[in-house]
C-alpha atoms as a PDB file:
ATOM      1  CA  MET A   1      -8.378   0.519 -13.352  1.00  0.00           C
ATOM      2  CA  ASN A   2      -9.564  -2.680 -15.100  1.00  0.00           C
ATOM      3  CA  THR A   3     -11.739  -5.182 -13.344  1.00  0.00           C
ATOM      4  CA  GLU A   4     -12.271  -8.866 -14.492  1.00  0.00           C
ATOM      5  CA  VAL A   5     -13.118 -12.327 -13.150  1.00  0.00           C
ATOM      6  CA  LEU A   6     -10.576 -15.320 -13.687  1.00  0.00           C
ATOM      7  CA  GLU A   7     -11.415 -18.898 -12.808  1.00  0.00           C
ATOM      8  CA  ILE A   8      -8.236 -20.274 -11.121  1.00  0.00           C
ATOM      9  CA  ALA A   9      -8.038 -24.009  -9.704  1.00  0.00           C
ATOM     10  CA  GLY A  10     -11.602 -23.965  -9.702  1.00  0.00           C
ATOM     11  CA  LEU A  11     -11.795 -20.617  -7.825  1.00  0.00           C
ATOM     12  CA  GLU A  12     -13.258 -17.383  -9.108  1.00  0.00           C
ATOM     13  CA  VAL A  13     -10.463 -14.353  -8.647  1.00  0.00           C
ATOM     14  CA  GLU A  14     -11.503 -10.841  -9.005  1.00  0.00           C
ATOM     15  CA  LEU A  15      -8.569  -9.323 -10.949  1.00  0.00           C
ATOM     16  CA  VAL A  16      -7.979  -5.568 -10.917  1.00  0.00           C
ATOM     17  CA  ARG A  17      -5.264  -4.125 -12.904  1.00  0.00           C
ATOM     18  CA  LYS A  18      -3.597  -0.717 -11.530  1.00  0.00           C
ATOM     19  CA  PRO A  19      -0.789   1.378 -11.853  1.00  0.00           C
ATOM     20  CA  ILE A  20       1.037  -0.257  -9.287  1.00  0.00           C
ATOM     21  CA  LYS A  21       4.494  -2.060  -8.772  1.00  0.00           C
ATOM     22  CA  ASN A  22       3.663  -5.160  -6.847  1.00  0.00           C
ATOM     23  CA  LEU A  23       1.052  -7.959  -7.012  1.00  0.00           C
ATOM     24  CA  HIS A  24      -1.248  -7.839  -4.164  1.00  0.00           C
ATOM     25  CA  LEU A  25      -3.573 -10.763  -3.089  1.00  0.00           C
ATOM     26  CA  GLY A  26      -6.253 -10.547  -0.617  1.00  0.00           C
ATOM     27  CA  VAL A  27      -8.946 -12.879   0.895  1.00  0.00           C
ATOM     28  CA  TYR A  28     -11.945 -11.116   2.176  1.00  0.00           C
ATOM     29  CA  PRO A  29     -15.093 -11.658   4.443  1.00  0.00           C
ATOM     30  CA  PRO A  30     -17.613 -13.040   4.833  1.00  0.00           C
ATOM     31  CA  GLU A  31     -16.982 -15.976   2.625  1.00  0.00           C
ATOM     32  CA  GLY A  32     -13.397 -15.792   1.531  1.00  0.00           C
ATOM     33  CA  ARG A  33     -13.768 -13.946  -1.637  1.00  0.00           C
ATOM     34  CA  VAL A  34     -10.290 -13.630  -3.403  1.00  0.00           C
ATOM     35  CA  ARG A  35      -9.067 -10.594  -4.977  1.00  0.00           C
ATOM     36  CA  VAL A  36      -5.794  -9.707  -6.763  1.00  0.00           C
ATOM     37  CA  ALA A  37      -4.498  -6.213  -7.591  1.00  0.00           C
ATOM     38  CA  ALA A  38      -2.049  -6.547 -10.262  1.00  0.00           C
ATOM     39  CA  PRO A  39       0.351  -4.022 -12.267  1.00  0.00           C
ATOM     40  CA  SER A  40      -1.226  -3.440 -15.711  1.00  0.00           C
ATOM     41  CA  ALA A  41       1.679  -4.886 -17.504  1.00  0.00           C
ATOM     42  CA  VAL A  42       1.453  -8.433 -15.742  1.00  0.00           C
ATOM     43  CA  SER A  43      -0.296 -11.191 -17.819  1.00  0.00           C
ATOM     44  CA  ASP A  44      -3.162 -13.335 -16.830  1.00  0.00           C
ATOM     45  CA  GLU A  45      -0.873 -16.143 -16.900  1.00  0.00           C
ATOM     46  CA  ALA A  46       1.513 -14.532 -14.357  1.00  0.00           C
ATOM     47  CA  VAL A  47      -1.303 -13.802 -12.113  1.00  0.00           C
ATOM     48  CA  ARG A  48      -2.563 -17.561 -12.392  1.00  0.00           C
ATOM     49  CA  VAL A  49       0.885 -18.659 -11.425  1.00  0.00           C
ATOM     50  CA  ALA A  50       0.899 -16.410  -8.399  1.00  0.00           C
ATOM     51  CA  VAL A  51      -2.412 -17.610  -7.173  1.00  0.00           C
ATOM     52  CA  ILE A  52      -1.876 -20.999  -7.683  1.00  0.00           C
ATOM     53  CA  SER A  53       1.676 -20.801  -5.746  1.00  0.00           C
ATOM     54  CA  ARG A  54      -0.295 -19.256  -2.840  1.00  0.00           C
ATOM     55  CA  MET A  55      -3.407 -21.735  -2.995  1.00  0.00           C
ATOM     56  CA  GLY A  56      -2.318 -23.269   0.226  1.00  0.00           C
ATOM     57  CA  TRP A  57      -2.399 -20.036   2.202  1.00  0.00           C
ATOM     58  CA  ILE A  58      -5.632 -19.002   0.244  1.00  0.00           C
ATOM     59  CA  ASN A  59      -7.391 -22.046   1.482  1.00  0.00           C
ATOM     60  CA  ARG A  60      -6.278 -21.675   5.126  1.00  0.00           C
ATOM     61  CA  GLN A  61      -7.671 -17.980   5.123  1.00  0.00           C
ATOM     62  CA  ARG A  62     -10.959 -18.984   3.382  1.00  0.00           C
ATOM     63  CA  ASN A  63     -11.448 -21.758   6.056  1.00  0.00           C
ATOM     64  CA  LYS A  64     -10.899 -19.305   8.703  1.00  0.00           C
ATOM     65  CA  PHE A  65     -13.561 -16.971   7.505  1.00  0.00           C
ATOM     66  CA  GLN A  66     -16.000 -19.870   6.905  1.00  0.00           C
ATOM     67  CA  SER A  67     -15.411 -21.279  10.536  1.00  0.00           C
ATOM     68  CA  GLN A  68     -15.646 -17.828  12.261  1.00  0.00           C
ATOM     69  CA  ALA A  69     -18.805 -17.384  14.533  1.00  0.00           C
ATOM     70  CA  ARG A  70     -20.720 -14.612  13.010  1.00  0.00           C
ATOM     71  CA  GLN A  71     -21.720 -11.748  15.462  1.00  0.00           C
ATOM     72  CA  SER A  72     -25.453 -11.435  15.991  1.00  0.00           C
ATOM     73  CA  GLN A  73     -27.278  -8.355  14.695  1.00  0.00           C
ATOM     74  CA  ARG A  74     -26.810  -5.817  17.258  1.00  0.00           C
ATOM     75  CA  GLU A  75     -30.180  -4.567  18.828  1.00  0.00           C
ATOM     76  CA  TYR A  76     -28.637  -2.189  21.440  1.00  0.00           C
ATOM     77  CA  VAL A  77     -30.592  -3.549  24.236  1.00  0.00           C
ATOM     78  CA  SER A  78     -29.632  -4.143  27.990  1.00  0.00           C
ATOM     79  CA  GLY A  79     -27.268  -7.225  28.488  1.00  0.00           C
ATOM     80  CA  GLU A  80     -25.552  -7.114  24.947  1.00  0.00           C
ATOM     81  CA  THR A  81     -21.955  -7.435  25.074  1.00  0.00           C
ATOM     82  CA  TYR A  82     -19.650  -4.802  23.431  1.00  0.00           C
ATOM     83  CA  PHE A  83     -15.649  -4.525  23.560  1.00  0.00           C
ATOM     84  CA  HIS A  84     -14.023  -0.964  24.248  1.00  0.00           C
ATOM     85  CA  LEU A  85     -10.456  -0.605  24.023  1.00  0.00           C
ATOM     86  CA  GLY A  86      -9.955  -4.351  24.553  1.00  0.00           C
ATOM     87  CA  GLN A  87     -12.189  -4.538  27.488  1.00  0.00           C
ATOM     88  CA  ARG A  88     -15.493  -6.222  27.619  1.00  0.00           C
ATOM     89  CA  TYR A  89     -18.643  -4.599  28.628  1.00  0.00           C
ATOM     90  CA  ARG A  90     -22.459  -5.157  29.128  1.00  0.00           C
ATOM     91  CA  LEU A  91     -24.732  -2.541  27.825  1.00  0.00           C
ATOM     92  CA  ARG A  92     -27.279  -1.072  30.070  1.00  0.00           C
ATOM     93  CA  VAL A  93     -29.766   1.196  28.205  1.00  0.00           C
ATOM     94  CA  ILE A  94     -31.247   4.220  29.959  1.00  0.00           C
ATOM     95  CA  GLU A  95     -34.390   5.692  28.455  1.00  0.00           C
ATOM     96  CA  GLN A  96     -34.512   9.344  29.655  1.00  0.00           C
ATOM     97  CA  ARG A  97     -35.417  12.814  28.077  1.00  0.00           C
ATOM     98  CA  ARG A  98     -32.119  14.421  28.723  1.00  0.00           C
ATOM     99  CA  THR A  99     -29.238  14.251  26.163  1.00  0.00           C
ATOM    100  CA  ALA A 100     -28.569  10.990  24.579  1.00  0.00           C
ATOM    101  CA  GLY A 101     -25.134   9.639  24.748  1.00  0.00           C
ATOM    102  CA  VAL A 102     -22.791   6.845  26.522  1.00  0.00           C
ATOM    103  CA  ARG A 103     -20.773   6.623  29.422  1.00  0.00           C
ATOM    104  CA  ILE A 104     -18.383   3.953  31.289  1.00  0.00           C
ATOM    105  CA  SER A 105     -19.891   2.900  34.506  1.00  0.00           C
ATOM    106  CA  GLY A 106     -17.745   1.674  37.228  1.00  0.00           C
ATOM    107  CA  ASP A 107     -19.228  -1.802  37.182  1.00  0.00           C
ATOM    108  CA  GLN A 108     -18.113  -2.770  33.837  1.00  0.00           C
ATOM    109  CA  HIS A 109     -21.212  -1.406  31.955  1.00  0.00           C
ATOM    110  CA  LEU A 110     -21.702   1.052  29.032  1.00  0.00           C
ATOM    111  CA  GLU A 111     -24.652   3.028  30.013  1.00  0.00           C
ATOM    112  CA  LEU A 112     -26.714   3.966  26.747  1.00  0.00           C
ATOM    113  CA  ALA A 113     -28.810   6.987  27.266  1.00  0.00           C
ATOM    114  CA  VAL A 114     -31.373   7.311  24.753  1.00  0.00           C
ATOM    115  CA  PRO A 115     -34.911   8.892  24.475  1.00  0.00           C
ATOM    116  CA  PRO A 116     -37.915   6.795  25.419  1.00  0.00           C
ATOM    117  CA  GLY A 117     -39.092   4.600  22.507  1.00  0.00           C
ATOM    118  CA  SER A 118     -36.066   5.089  20.619  1.00  0.00           C
ATOM    119  CA  ASP A 119     -35.314   2.589  17.697  1.00  0.00           C
ATOM    120  CA  VAL A 120     -32.408   0.377  16.906  1.00  0.00           C
ATOM    121  CA  ALA A 121     -31.205   3.095  14.124  1.00  0.00           C
ATOM    122  CA  LEU A 122     -31.349   5.968  16.775  1.00  0.00           C
ATOM    123  CA  ARG A 123     -29.517   3.848  19.418  1.00  0.00           C
ATOM    124  CA  GLU A 124     -26.748   2.787  17.070  1.00  0.00           C
ATOM    125  CA  LYS A 125     -26.298   6.454  15.700  1.00  0.00           C
ATOM    126  CA  VAL A 126     -25.730   7.620  19.437  1.00  0.00           C
ATOM    127  CA  PHE A 127     -23.543   4.710  20.277  1.00  0.00           C
ATOM    128  CA  GLN A 128     -21.470   5.045  17.182  1.00  0.00           C
ATOM    129  CA  ARG A 129     -21.177   8.672  17.379  1.00  0.00           C
ATOM    130  CA  TRP A 130     -19.654   8.269  21.011  1.00  0.00           C
ATOM    131  CA  GLN A 131     -17.242   5.615  19.635  1.00  0.00           C
ATOM    132  CA  ARG A 132     -16.043   7.616  16.641  1.00  0.00           C
ATOM    133  CA  GLY A 133     -15.422  10.675  19.020  1.00  0.00           C
ATOM    134  CA  LEU A 134     -13.153   8.904  21.272  1.00  0.00           C
ATOM    135  CA  LEU A 135     -11.416   7.013  18.624  1.00  0.00           C
ATOM    136  CA  ARG A 136     -10.775  10.501  16.869  1.00  0.00           C
ATOM    137  CA  GLU A 137      -9.487  11.943  20.051  1.00  0.00           C
ATOM    138  CA  ARG A 138      -7.033   9.310  20.828  1.00  0.00           C
ATOM    139  CA  ALA A 139      -5.878   8.824  17.283  1.00  0.00           C
ATOM    140  CA  LEU A 140      -5.033  12.649  16.866  1.00  0.00           C
ATOM    141  CA  VAL A 141      -2.738  12.232  19.447  1.00  0.00           C
ATOM    142  CA  LEU A 142      -1.119   9.293  17.990  1.00  0.00           C
ATOM    143  CA  VAL A 143      -0.940  10.888  14.593  1.00  0.00           C
ATOM    144  CA  ASP A 144       0.921  13.836  15.854  1.00  0.00           C
ATOM    145  CA  GLU A 145       3.141  11.606  18.183  1.00  0.00           C
ATOM    146  CA  TRP A 146       4.398   9.253  15.249  1.00  0.00           C
ATOM    147  CA  SER A 147       4.571  12.028  12.636  1.00  0.00           C
ATOM    148  CA  ALA A 148       6.972  13.739  14.703  1.00  0.00           C
ATOM    149  CA  GLN A 149       9.062  10.477  15.167  1.00  0.00           C
ATOM    150  CA  LEU A 150       9.015   9.616  11.535  1.00  0.00           C
ATOM    151  CA  GLY A 151       9.693  13.336  10.639  1.00  0.00           C
ATOM    152  CA  VAL A 152       6.663  14.073   8.503  1.00  0.00           C
ATOM    153  CA  SER A 153       3.897  16.590   8.692  1.00  0.00           C
ATOM    154  CA  PRO A 154       0.795  15.214  10.335  1.00  0.00           C
ATOM    155  CA  PRO A 155      -1.619  14.116   7.680  1.00  0.00           C
ATOM    156  CA  THR A 156      -5.351  14.715   7.844  1.00  0.00           C
ATOM    157  CA  LEU A 157      -7.166  12.114   9.862  1.00  0.00           C
ATOM    158  CA  GLY A 158     -10.550  10.577   8.995  1.00  0.00           C
ATOM    159  CA  ILE A 159     -12.548   7.765  10.731  1.00  0.00           C
ATOM    160  CA  LYS A 160     -14.949   5.524   8.896  1.00  0.00           C
ATOM    161  CA  ARG A 161     -16.189   2.104   9.012  1.00  0.00           C
ATOM    162  CA  MET A 162     -14.182  -0.257   6.531  1.00  0.00           C
ATOM    163  CA  LYS A 163     -15.044  -3.938   5.671  1.00  0.00           C
ATOM    164  CA  THR A 164     -11.492  -5.162   4.841  1.00  0.00           C
ATOM    165  CA  LYS A 165      -8.927  -2.618   6.310  1.00  0.00           C
ATOM    166  CA  TRP A 166      -7.831  -1.384   9.773  1.00  0.00           C
ATOM    167  CA  GLY A 167      -6.782   1.603   8.290  1.00  0.00           C
ATOM    168  CA  THR A 168      -5.577   3.084   4.810  1.00  0.00           C
ATOM    169  CA  CYS A 169      -3.324   5.964   3.686  1.00  0.00           C
ATOM    170  CA  ASN A 170      -4.022   8.358   0.656  1.00  0.00           C
ATOM    171  CA  HIS A 171      -0.338   9.219  -0.044  1.00  0.00           C
ATOM    172  CA  ALA A 172      -1.221  12.108  -2.664  1.00  0.00           C
ATOM    173  CA  ALA A 173      -3.935  13.574  -0.418  1.00  0.00           C
ATOM    174  CA  ARG A 174      -1.898  13.080   2.782  1.00  0.00           C
ATOM    175  CA  ARG A 175      -4.817  11.691   4.534  1.00  0.00           C
ATOM    176  CA  VAL A 176      -4.956   8.705   6.736  1.00  0.00           C
ATOM    177  CA  TRP A 177      -8.283   6.589   7.319  1.00  0.00           C
ATOM    178  CA  LEU A 178      -8.798   4.675  10.406  1.00  0.00           C
ATOM    179  CA  ASN A 179     -11.542   2.071  10.675  1.00  0.00           C
ATOM    180  CA  LEU A 180     -14.101   2.778  13.483  1.00  0.00           C
ATOM    181  CA  GLU A 181     -13.754  -0.682  14.685  1.00  0.00           C
ATOM    182  CA  LEU A 182     -10.545   0.110  16.289  1.00  0.00           C
ATOM    183  CA  ILE A 183     -12.199   1.499  19.141  1.00  0.00           C
ATOM    184  CA  LYS A 184     -12.908  -1.950  20.386  1.00  0.00           C
ATOM    185  CA  LYS A 185      -9.185  -3.147  20.168  1.00  0.00           C
ATOM    186  CA  PRO A 186      -6.372  -2.461  22.867  1.00  0.00           C
ATOM    187  CA  PRO A 187      -5.116   0.830  22.752  1.00  0.00           C
ATOM    188  CA  VAL A 188      -1.528  -0.417  21.561  1.00  0.00           C
ATOM    189  CA  CYS A 189      -3.285  -2.070  18.558  1.00  0.00           C
ATOM    190  CA  ILE A 190      -4.750   1.301  17.703  1.00  0.00           C
ATOM    191  CA  SER A 191      -1.340   2.994  18.067  1.00  0.00           C
ATOM    192  CA  TYR A 192       0.185   0.220  15.682  1.00  0.00           C
ATOM    193  CA  ILE A 193      -2.421   0.901  13.119  1.00  0.00           C
ATOM    194  CA  ALA A 194      -1.372   4.766  12.999  1.00  0.00           C
ATOM    195  CA  LEU A 195       2.151   4.063  12.892  1.00  0.00           C
ATOM    196  CA  HIS A 196       1.592   1.655   9.944  1.00  0.00           C
ATOM    197  CA  GLU A 197      -0.340   4.258   8.030  1.00  0.00           C
ATOM    198  CA  ILE A 198       1.877   7.240   8.611  1.00  0.00           C
ATOM    199  CA  ALA A 199       4.958   5.079   7.755  1.00  0.00           C
ATOM    200  CA  HIS A 200       3.125   4.749   4.230  1.00  0.00           C
ATOM    201  CA  LEU A 201       3.688   8.587   3.876  1.00  0.00           C
ATOM    202  CA  LEU A 202       7.426   7.618   3.332  1.00  0.00           C
ATOM    203  CA  GLU A 203       7.121   4.077   2.137  1.00  0.00           C
ATOM    204  CA  ARG A 204       4.074   3.110  -0.218  1.00  0.00           C
ATOM    205  CA  ASN A 205       4.595  -0.379  -0.368  1.00  0.00           C
ATOM    206  CA  HIS A 206       5.115  -2.977   2.298  1.00  0.00           C
ATOM    207  CA  GLY A 207       8.791  -3.613   1.236  1.00  0.00           C
ATOM    208  CA  GLU A 208      12.031  -3.967   3.164  1.00  0.00           C
ATOM    209  CA  ALA A 209      12.298  -0.180   3.730  1.00  0.00           C
ATOM    210  CA  PHE A 210       8.667  -0.245   5.077  1.00  0.00           C
ATOM    211  CA  VAL A 211       9.139  -3.211   7.598  1.00  0.00           C
ATOM    212  CA  ALA A 212      12.508  -1.449   8.710  1.00  0.00           C
ATOM    213  CA  LEU A 213      10.476   1.836   9.571  1.00  0.00           C
ATOM    214  CA  LEU A 214       8.100  -0.335  11.892  1.00  0.00           C
ATOM    215  CA  ASP A 215      11.097  -2.345  13.267  1.00  0.00           C
ATOM    216  CA  LEU A 216      12.832   0.790  14.300  1.00  0.00           C
ATOM    217  CA  HIS A 217       9.705   2.666  15.960  1.00  0.00           C
ATOM    218  CA  MET A 218       7.663  -0.140  17.232  1.00  0.00           C
ATOM    219  CA  PRO A 219      10.032  -3.540  17.736  1.00  0.00           C
ATOM    220  CA  ASN A 220       7.064  -5.803  18.780  1.00  0.00           C
ATOM    221  CA  TRP A 221       4.674  -4.571  16.017  1.00  0.00           C
ATOM    222  CA  ARG A 222       4.148  -8.172  14.921  1.00  0.00           C
ATOM    223  CA  THR A 223       2.662  -9.089  18.168  1.00  0.00           C
ATOM    224  CA  HIS A 224       0.070  -6.048  17.800  1.00  0.00           C
ATOM    225  CA  ARG A 225      -0.634  -7.133  13.988  1.00  0.00           C
ATOM    226  CA  ASP A 226      -1.398 -10.743  15.220  1.00  0.00           C
ATOM    227  CA  GLN A 227      -3.460  -9.589  18.040  1.00  0.00           C
ATOM    228  CA  LEU A 228      -5.773  -7.551  15.638  1.00  0.00           C
ATOM    229  CA  ASN A 229      -5.714 -10.480  13.033  1.00  0.00           C
ATOM    230  CA  ALA A 230      -7.143 -12.920  15.818  1.00  0.00           C
ATOM    231  CA  GLU A 231     -10.387 -11.692  14.591  1.00  0.00           C
ATOM    232  CA  PRO A 232      -9.398 -10.237  11.084  1.00  0.00           C
ATOM    233  CA  LEU A 233     -11.311  -7.884   8.944  1.00  0.00           C
ATOM    234  CA  ALA A 234      -9.312  -9.528   6.002  1.00  0.00           C
ATOM    235  CA  HIS A 235      -6.342 -11.794   5.074  1.00  0.00           C
ATOM    236  CA  GLU A 236      -3.851 -10.064   2.718  1.00  0.00           C
ATOM    237  CA  GLU A 237      -0.324 -10.397   1.509  1.00  0.00           C
ATOM    238  CA  TRP A 238       2.021  -8.630  -0.878  1.00  0.00           C
ATOM    239  CA  ILE A 239       3.713 -10.729  -3.701  1.00  0.00           C
ATOM    240  CA  GLY A 240       7.057  -9.503  -5.216  1.00  0.00           C
END
């Protein structure tokens, strides 16, 4: 893999050459960094033409990122707002000497139980451990269900935080990774991403065959994709 930086129409573009078939153009947060992954045989001039042809789209995505309100740094104190499975909750911190953890109360609160005097790092660790466990539990069921529908063996599932992807699929290792941020989204969005990544076990690229798989198994997948991208991690397009 070879990485370089090109200046195209006054814009710095990170160019990564890989053994892939199609050119992939992405715009990433927080400031709208532009990155192109291109097949090794594609010339710099071809990359320039592709980027310039999509400059209107690139500028729209960069403007979206730059106009988005930034989430303030979490302090894990009572009163902060958190989303869980598409629902909004207020955080209520309870200091106690018993086991640390999180539970959903009946009054639209997430109750975070932590030891007295706990710092932000510990509170975040407890909270994200709870999120990770719930997402894994839900995702394991979805992975099994979608794998059965697509006629493939269930891949290994991993959960991690990612800056630019809702999920990834390592075809060779047969491993699917889901972004921990998905636990904040409606369940149907989690299901869509699980299907999306498992479909990559059959179709590596976002070509017509891949889209046909999604259309067959989740006809309204575009609605769920748009719902996720209302507050995107990144804007991407496949070209060619």
